[in-house]
Amino acid sequence: MNDEYFVIVNLLAGRGRCRRLWPQIEALLKKNKLSFRAALTEAPGTATEIARRASRDFSIVVAVGGDGTIHEVAGGLIGTKTKLGIIPAGTGNDFVKMLEIPALDPAPAVKILQAQRSRRVDAGRWGERTFVNGLGVGLDGAAAWRIFRRWNWPGLAHWTYLYAAVYEALFYRSSELEIRAPDWRVSGRLMMVGASNGRFHGGDFKLVPEAEIDDGLFDIYMISEMSPLRRLQKIPMVRRGEHLGLPEVQIRRAPWIEISSERPLLGHLDGEPLEFPAGSFRVEILPKALEVIAA
């Protein structure tokens, strides 16, 4: 394996934040005498194949960007012996919170990368797609679609998560869903359902405050229908992770779930929007499938 770092830079990450930070990050890598090769990308979806090819020759592949970039790069590394390094340069930066990698200043992240301390973490799989932080359907999926497909406010990028949550709290229509796990089943009109590996979603929402990324289980959150006013009232509680005692909230653990719906569902993988077709689909944990450089 090549001792150099292979660095994948998503210049589109963080609504332009990554593009602005890359010269500083590049200078920090050189200042700390880290030998590296860099690949710059501006096309969604290309980082996965770049990472997959790099894993054949490099022992560490570094994602420079946000959760979407990490999602793509990890997708090319899951199941390989190549380690994932991360220099955050996105908007929400949810996954790195679980690894204690600072997101506001790239200098500490470069130092963590240089130390090369690593841990093995779980990943998730839906069909042929993988994810590292979480999969969600319902209101959070609709918010992801609103942010990435409809709103593009570069100067207010961090606040779009909160704005989207407020908008969907007012207007999202819940669905009749059935959730099946190995030893339990839940059905009814649900506002949000997700299989989470990390604790944070949508930037600062501590949606599953007891989740661990290496326990071999998803934390499955299921939130029943609420009135729009009650949804708005509870947003601050979700941001602080204080919502677990609400009667509408259930969180259970499982290595896999099946979600069934009679209509298509808006959803996300690691914050990246997608639409799940009507019918049933299965989500399963991949225990310790990825080695990550962490603090």
Protein backbone atom coordinates (compact mmCIF):
# COMPACT_ATOMS: atom_id res chain seq x y z
CA MET A 1 0.00 0.00 0.00
CA ASN A 2 1.10 3.56 -0.76
CA ASP A 3 2.06 5.52 2.41
CA GLU A 4 0.73 8.74 0.93
CA TYR A 5 -2.70 10.06 1.81
CA PHE A 6 -5.17 10.14 -1.06
CA VAL A 7 -7.33 13.24 -0.56
CA ILE A 8 -10.73 13.62 -2.23
CA VAL A 9 -11.95 17.22 -2.17
CA ASN A 10 -15.58 18.02 -2.95
CA LEU A 11 -15.43 21.64 -4.01
CA LEU A 12 -19.24 21.88 -3.91
CA ALA A 13 -19.51 20.89 -0.22
CA GLY A 14 -20.91 23.36 2.25
CA ARG A 15 -22.43 25.55 -0.50
CA GLY A 16 -18.92 26.70 -1.44
CA ARG A 17 -17.30 26.52 2.01
CA CYS A 18 -15.04 23.66 0.93
CA ARG A 19 -13.86 25.56 -2.14
CA ARG A 20 -12.89 28.49 0.07
CA LEU A 21 -11.17 26.29 2.66
CA TRP A 22 -9.23 24.02 0.32
CA PRO A 23 -6.21 26.34 -0.19
CA GLN A 24 -5.87 26.61 3.61
CA ILE A 25 -6.25 22.84 4.05
CA GLU A 26 -3.72 22.15 1.31
CA ALA A 27 -1.24 24.50 3.02
CA LEU A 28 -1.82 22.79 6.39
CA LEU A 29 -1.17 19.35 4.89
CA LYS A 30 2.12 20.58 3.43
CA LYS A 31 3.09 22.45 6.61
CA ASN A 32 2.60 19.26 8.64
CA LYS A 33 4.68 17.34 6.07
CA LEU A 34 1.87 14.98 5.10
CA SER A 35 2.61 13.42 1.74
CA PHE A 36 -0.60 13.35 -0.31
CA ARG A 37 -2.22 13.26 -3.69
CA ALA A 38 -5.44 15.18 -4.24
CA ALA A 39 -8.43 14.62 -6.50
CA LEU A 40 -10.87 17.52 -6.86
CA THR A 41 -14.48 16.80 -7.71
CA GLU A 42 -17.50 18.95 -8.48
CA ALA A 43 -19.85 16.23 -9.77
CA PRO A 44 -22.23 14.52 -7.31
CA GLY A 45 -21.63 10.78 -7.00
CA THR A 46 -18.11 10.69 -8.43
CA ALA A 47 -16.25 10.47 -5.11
CA THR A 48 -17.41 6.88 -4.50
CA GLU A 49 -15.70 5.50 -7.58
CA ILE A 50 -12.60 7.64 -6.99
CA ALA A 51 -12.38 6.25 -3.43
CA ARG A 52 -12.94 2.69 -4.64
CA ARG A 53 -10.06 2.96 -7.10
CA ALA A 54 -7.82 4.66 -4.53
CA SER A 55 -8.45 1.88 -1.98
CA ARG A 56 -6.46 -0.51 -4.17
CA ASP A 57 -3.26 1.49 -3.70
CA PHE A 58 -3.63 3.74 -0.65
CA SER A 59 -4.01 2.82 3.02
CA ILE A 60 -5.78 6.10 3.93
CA VAL A 61 -8.30 7.97 1.78
CA VAL A 62 -9.36 11.37 3.11
CA ALA A 63 -12.75 13.00 2.52
CA VAL A 64 -12.65 16.81 2.49
CA GLY A 65 -16.20 18.10 2.58
CA GLY A 66 -19.43 17.54 4.46
CA ASP A 67 -21.65 14.58 5.30
CA GLY A 68 -22.48 14.04 1.63
CA THR A 69 -18.79 13.80 0.76
CA ILE A 70 -18.15 11.41 3.66
CA HIS A 71 -21.14 9.37 2.48
CA GLU A 72 -19.72 9.05 -1.03
CA VAL A 73 -16.11 8.35 -0.01
CA ALA A 74 -17.12 5.84 2.65
CA GLY A 75 -19.26 4.09 0.05
CA GLY A 76 -16.09 3.28 -1.86
CA LEU A 77 -14.19 2.10 1.24
CA ILE A 78 -16.72 0.03 3.21
CA GLY A 79 -15.55 -3.57 3.30
CA THR A 80 -11.96 -2.72 2.29
CA LYS A 81 -8.81 -2.45 4.43
CA THR A 82 -8.37 1.23 3.57
CA LYS A 83 -8.99 3.73 6.37
CA LEU A 84 -11.23 6.79 6.02
CA GLY A 85 -9.80 10.13 7.10
CA ILE A 86 -11.95 13.24 7.34
CA ILE A 87 -11.31 16.97 7.18
CA PRO A 88 -14.74 18.60 7.68
CA ALA A 89 -15.63 21.39 5.29
CA GLY A 90 -19.40 21.04 4.96
CA THR A 91 -22.51 22.55 6.47
CA GLY A 92 -24.05 20.11 8.96
CA ASN A 93 -21.00 17.96 9.73
CA ASP A 94 -23.08 15.43 11.67
CA PHE A 95 -20.95 12.28 11.44
CA VAL A 96 -17.69 13.86 12.63
CA LYS A 97 -19.32 14.78 15.94
CA MET A 98 -19.26 11.06 16.79
CA LEU A 99 -15.51 10.97 16.04
CA GLU A 100 -14.71 14.17 17.97
CA ILE A 101 -13.22 15.82 14.89
CA PRO A 102 -13.66 19.63 15.10
CA ALA A 103 -15.59 21.02 12.16
CA LEU A 104 -15.00 24.77 12.34
CA ASP A 105 -11.20 24.84 12.03
CA PRO A 106 -9.35 22.44 9.71
CA ALA A 107 -6.07 22.65 11.66
CA PRO A 108 -7.09 20.23 14.48
CA ALA A 109 -8.57 17.84 11.90
CA VAL A 110 -5.23 17.74 10.07
CA LYS A 111 -3.45 16.98 13.37
CA ILE A 112 -5.91 14.11 14.02
CA LEU A 113 -5.24 12.84 10.52
CA GLN A 114 -1.50 12.99 11.14
CA ALA A 115 -1.79 10.97 14.40
CA GLN A 116 -3.57 8.16 12.50
CA ARG A 117 -5.46 6.81 15.52
CA SER A 118 -8.34 4.78 14.18
CA ARG A 119 -11.43 2.85 15.20
CA ARG A 120 -13.75 0.50 13.41
CA VAL A 121 -17.34 1.69 13.09
CA ASP A 122 -20.59 0.28 11.80
CA ALA A 123 -22.21 1.20 8.53
CA GLY A 124 -25.69 0.67 7.10
CA ARG A 125 -26.96 -0.76 3.85
CA TRP A 126 -30.10 -0.24 1.81
CA GLY A 127 -30.06 -2.34 -1.34
CA GLU A 128 -26.76 -1.59 -3.06
CA ARG A 129 -26.35 1.74 -1.22
CA THR A 130 -24.44 2.20 2.03
CA PHE A 131 -24.42 4.94 4.65
CA VAL A 132 -22.52 5.80 7.82
CA ASN A 133 -24.63 8.22 9.85
CA GLY A 134 -28.25 7.36 9.17
CA LEU A 135 -31.24 6.76 6.93
CA GLY A 136 -34.52 8.55 7.47
CA VAL A 137 -37.97 8.83 5.92
CA GLY A 138 -40.78 11.24 6.63
CA LEU A 139 -40.44 14.80 7.83
CA ASP A 140 -36.63 14.71 7.98
CA GLY A 141 -36.53 13.25 4.48
CA ALA A 142 -38.81 16.02 3.23
CA ALA A 143 -36.54 18.58 4.91
CA ALA A 144 -33.51 17.09 3.16
CA TRP A 145 -35.29 17.42 -0.18
CA ARG A 146 -36.24 21.00 0.55
CA ILE A 147 -32.65 21.96 1.45
CA PHE A 148 -30.83 20.25 -1.38
CA ARG A 149 -33.36 20.39 -4.19
CA ARG A 150 -35.23 23.64 -3.61
CA TRP A 151 -33.25 25.99 -1.37
CA ASN A 152 -29.76 27.22 -2.14
CA TRP A 153 -28.78 30.03 0.17
CA PRO A 154 -24.96 30.13 0.28
CA GLY A 155 -24.78 32.93 2.83
CA LEU A 156 -27.21 31.18 5.20
CA ALA A 157 -26.23 27.55 4.58
CA HIS A 158 -26.08 26.51 8.24
CA TRP A 159 -29.53 27.96 8.99
CA THR A 160 -31.28 26.15 6.14
CA TYR A 161 -31.55 23.00 8.29
CA LEU A 162 -33.57 24.86 10.91
CA TYR A 163 -35.66 26.71 8.31
CA ALA A 164 -36.45 23.44 6.53
CA ALA A 165 -37.43 21.76 9.80
CA VAL A 166 -39.79 24.63 10.63
CA TYR A 167 -41.33 24.63 7.15
CA GLU A 168 -41.95 20.89 7.14
CA ALA A 169 -43.25 21.00 10.71
CA LEU A 170 -45.99 23.26 9.39
CA PHE A 171 -46.83 21.45 6.16
CA TYR A 172 -45.59 17.83 6.13
CA ARG A 173 -48.28 15.13 5.87
CA SER A 174 -47.52 11.93 7.79
CA SER A 175 -47.91 8.44 6.30
CA GLU A 176 -49.30 5.09 7.39
CA LEU A 177 -46.21 2.92 7.89
CA GLU A 178 -45.30 -0.48 9.23
CA ILE A 179 -41.87 -1.05 10.78
CA ARG A 180 -40.71 -4.62 11.35
CA ALA A 181 -37.58 -5.73 13.23
CA PRO A 182 -36.38 -9.18 14.36
CA ASP A 183 -38.42 -9.14 17.58
CA TRP A 184 -40.85 -6.22 17.39
CA ARG A 185 -43.26 -4.48 15.03
CA VAL A 186 -44.76 -0.98 15.00
CA SER A 187 -47.45 0.35 12.69
CA GLY A 188 -49.53 3.50 12.45
CA ARG A 189 -49.46 7.06 11.22
CA LEU A 190 -45.83 8.06 11.64
CA MET A 191 -44.24 11.45 11.05
CA MET A 192 -40.63 10.26 11.03
CA VAL A 193 -38.82 6.91 10.97
CA GLY A 194 -35.12 6.28 10.71
CA ALA A 195 -32.27 3.83 11.23
CA SER A 196 -29.51 5.81 12.89
CA ASN A 197 -25.85 5.05 13.49
CA GLY A 198 -24.86 8.53 14.71
CA ARG A 199 -26.57 10.78 17.23
CA PHE A 200 -26.87 13.97 15.19
CA HIS A 201 -28.90 14.74 12.07
CA GLY A 202 -29.65 17.96 10.22
CA GLY A 203 -26.70 19.84 11.70
CA ASP A 204 -27.52 20.35 15.38
CA PHE A 205 -30.50 18.03 15.92
CA LYS A 206 -29.58 15.45 18.56
CA LEU A 207 -32.22 13.10 17.24
CA VAL A 208 -30.92 9.85 18.78
CA PRO A 209 -28.85 10.94 21.79
CA GLU A 210 -27.85 7.44 22.93
CA ALA A 211 -26.71 6.03 19.58
CA GLU A 212 -23.25 4.47 19.27
CA ILE A 213 -21.43 3.96 15.98
CA ASP A 214 -19.79 0.68 16.91
CA ASP A 215 -22.38 -1.36 18.84
CA GLY A 216 -23.63 -3.44 15.90
CA LEU A 217 -27.16 -2.02 16.18
CA PHE A 218 -29.19 0.80 14.71
CA ASP A 219 -31.07 3.14 16.99
CA ILE A 220 -34.49 3.15 15.31
CA TYR A 221 -36.44 6.35 15.89
CA MET A 222 -40.19 6.41 15.27
CA ILE A 223 -42.17 9.59 15.88
CA SER A 224 -45.96 9.48 15.64
CA GLU A 225 -48.16 12.18 14.14
CA MET A 226 -48.30 15.54 15.91
CA SER A 227 -50.25 18.69 15.14
CA PRO A 228 -48.23 21.41 13.34
CA LEU A 229 -48.24 23.58 16.46
CA ARG A 230 -46.95 20.76 18.66
CA ARG A 231 -44.26 19.96 16.08
CA LEU A 232 -43.03 23.55 16.22
CA GLN A 233 -43.09 23.59 19.99
CA LYS A 234 -40.94 20.45 20.22
CA ILE A 235 -38.21 21.45 17.73
CA PRO A 236 -36.00 22.96 20.48
CA MET A 237 -36.29 19.74 22.51
CA VAL A 238 -35.11 17.66 19.54
CA ARG A 239 -32.15 19.98 18.99
CA ARG A 240 -31.10 19.42 22.61
CA GLY A 241 -31.86 15.68 22.63
CA GLU A 242 -34.53 16.11 25.32
CA HIS A 243 -37.46 14.63 23.39
CA LEU A 244 -37.19 10.96 24.40
CA GLY A 245 -39.88 11.26 27.06
CA LEU A 246 -42.52 12.55 24.65
CA PRO A 247 -45.43 10.11 24.17
CA GLU A 248 -45.10 10.29 20.37
CA VAL A 249 -41.42 9.21 20.42
CA GLN A 250 -40.14 5.64 20.38
CA ILE A 251 -36.50 4.60 20.02
CA ARG A 252 -35.61 0.93 19.80
CA ARG A 253 -32.48 -0.94 18.75
CA ALA A 254 -32.23 -3.55 16.01
CA PRO A 255 -29.69 -4.93 13.51
CA TRP A 256 -32.21 -4.51 10.67
CA ILE A 257 -35.67 -3.17 9.93
CA GLU A 258 -38.17 -3.37 7.10
CA ILE A 259 -40.25 -0.29 6.32
CA SER A 260 -43.52 -0.71 4.44
CA SER A 261 -45.65 2.02 2.89
CA GLU A 262 -48.43 2.12 0.32
CA ARG A 263 -47.01 5.26 -1.22
CA PRO A 264 -43.50 6.50 -2.11
CA LEU A 265 -41.61 8.16 0.73
CA LEU A 266 -39.23 11.09 0.72
CA GLY A 267 -36.09 10.19 2.60
CA HIS A 268 -32.36 10.63 2.95
CA LEU A 269 -29.13 8.68 3.31
CA ASP A 270 -26.63 10.63 5.43
CA GLY A 271 -28.62 13.75 4.62
CA GLU A 272 -28.57 13.14 0.86
CA PRO A 273 -32.18 13.24 -0.46
CA LEU A 274 -33.76 10.30 -2.24
CA GLU A 275 -37.20 8.79 -2.78
CA PHE A 276 -38.07 5.29 -1.56
CA PRO A 277 -40.63 3.51 -3.76
CA ALA A 278 -43.96 2.27 -2.44
CA GLY A 279 -43.86 -1.20 -0.92
CA SER A 280 -41.30 -2.61 1.50
CA PHE A 281 -37.58 -2.09 1.80
CA ARG A 282 -34.98 -3.43 4.21
CA VAL A 283 -32.19 -1.60 6.00
CA GLU A 284 -29.44 -3.57 7.74
CA ILE A 285 -26.38 -2.88 9.85
CA LEU A 286 -22.87 -3.76 8.66
CA PRO A 287 -20.95 -4.25 11.91
CA LYS A 288 -17.45 -2.72 12.08
CA ALA A 289 -17.43 -2.39 8.28
CA LEU A 290 -15.31 0.77 8.12
CA GLU A 291 -12.07 1.89 9.79
CA VAL A 292 -12.01 5.63 10.46
CA ILE A 293 -9.29 8.02 11.65
CA ALA A 294 -10.68 9.61 14.84
CA ALA A 295 -9.60 11.80 17.74
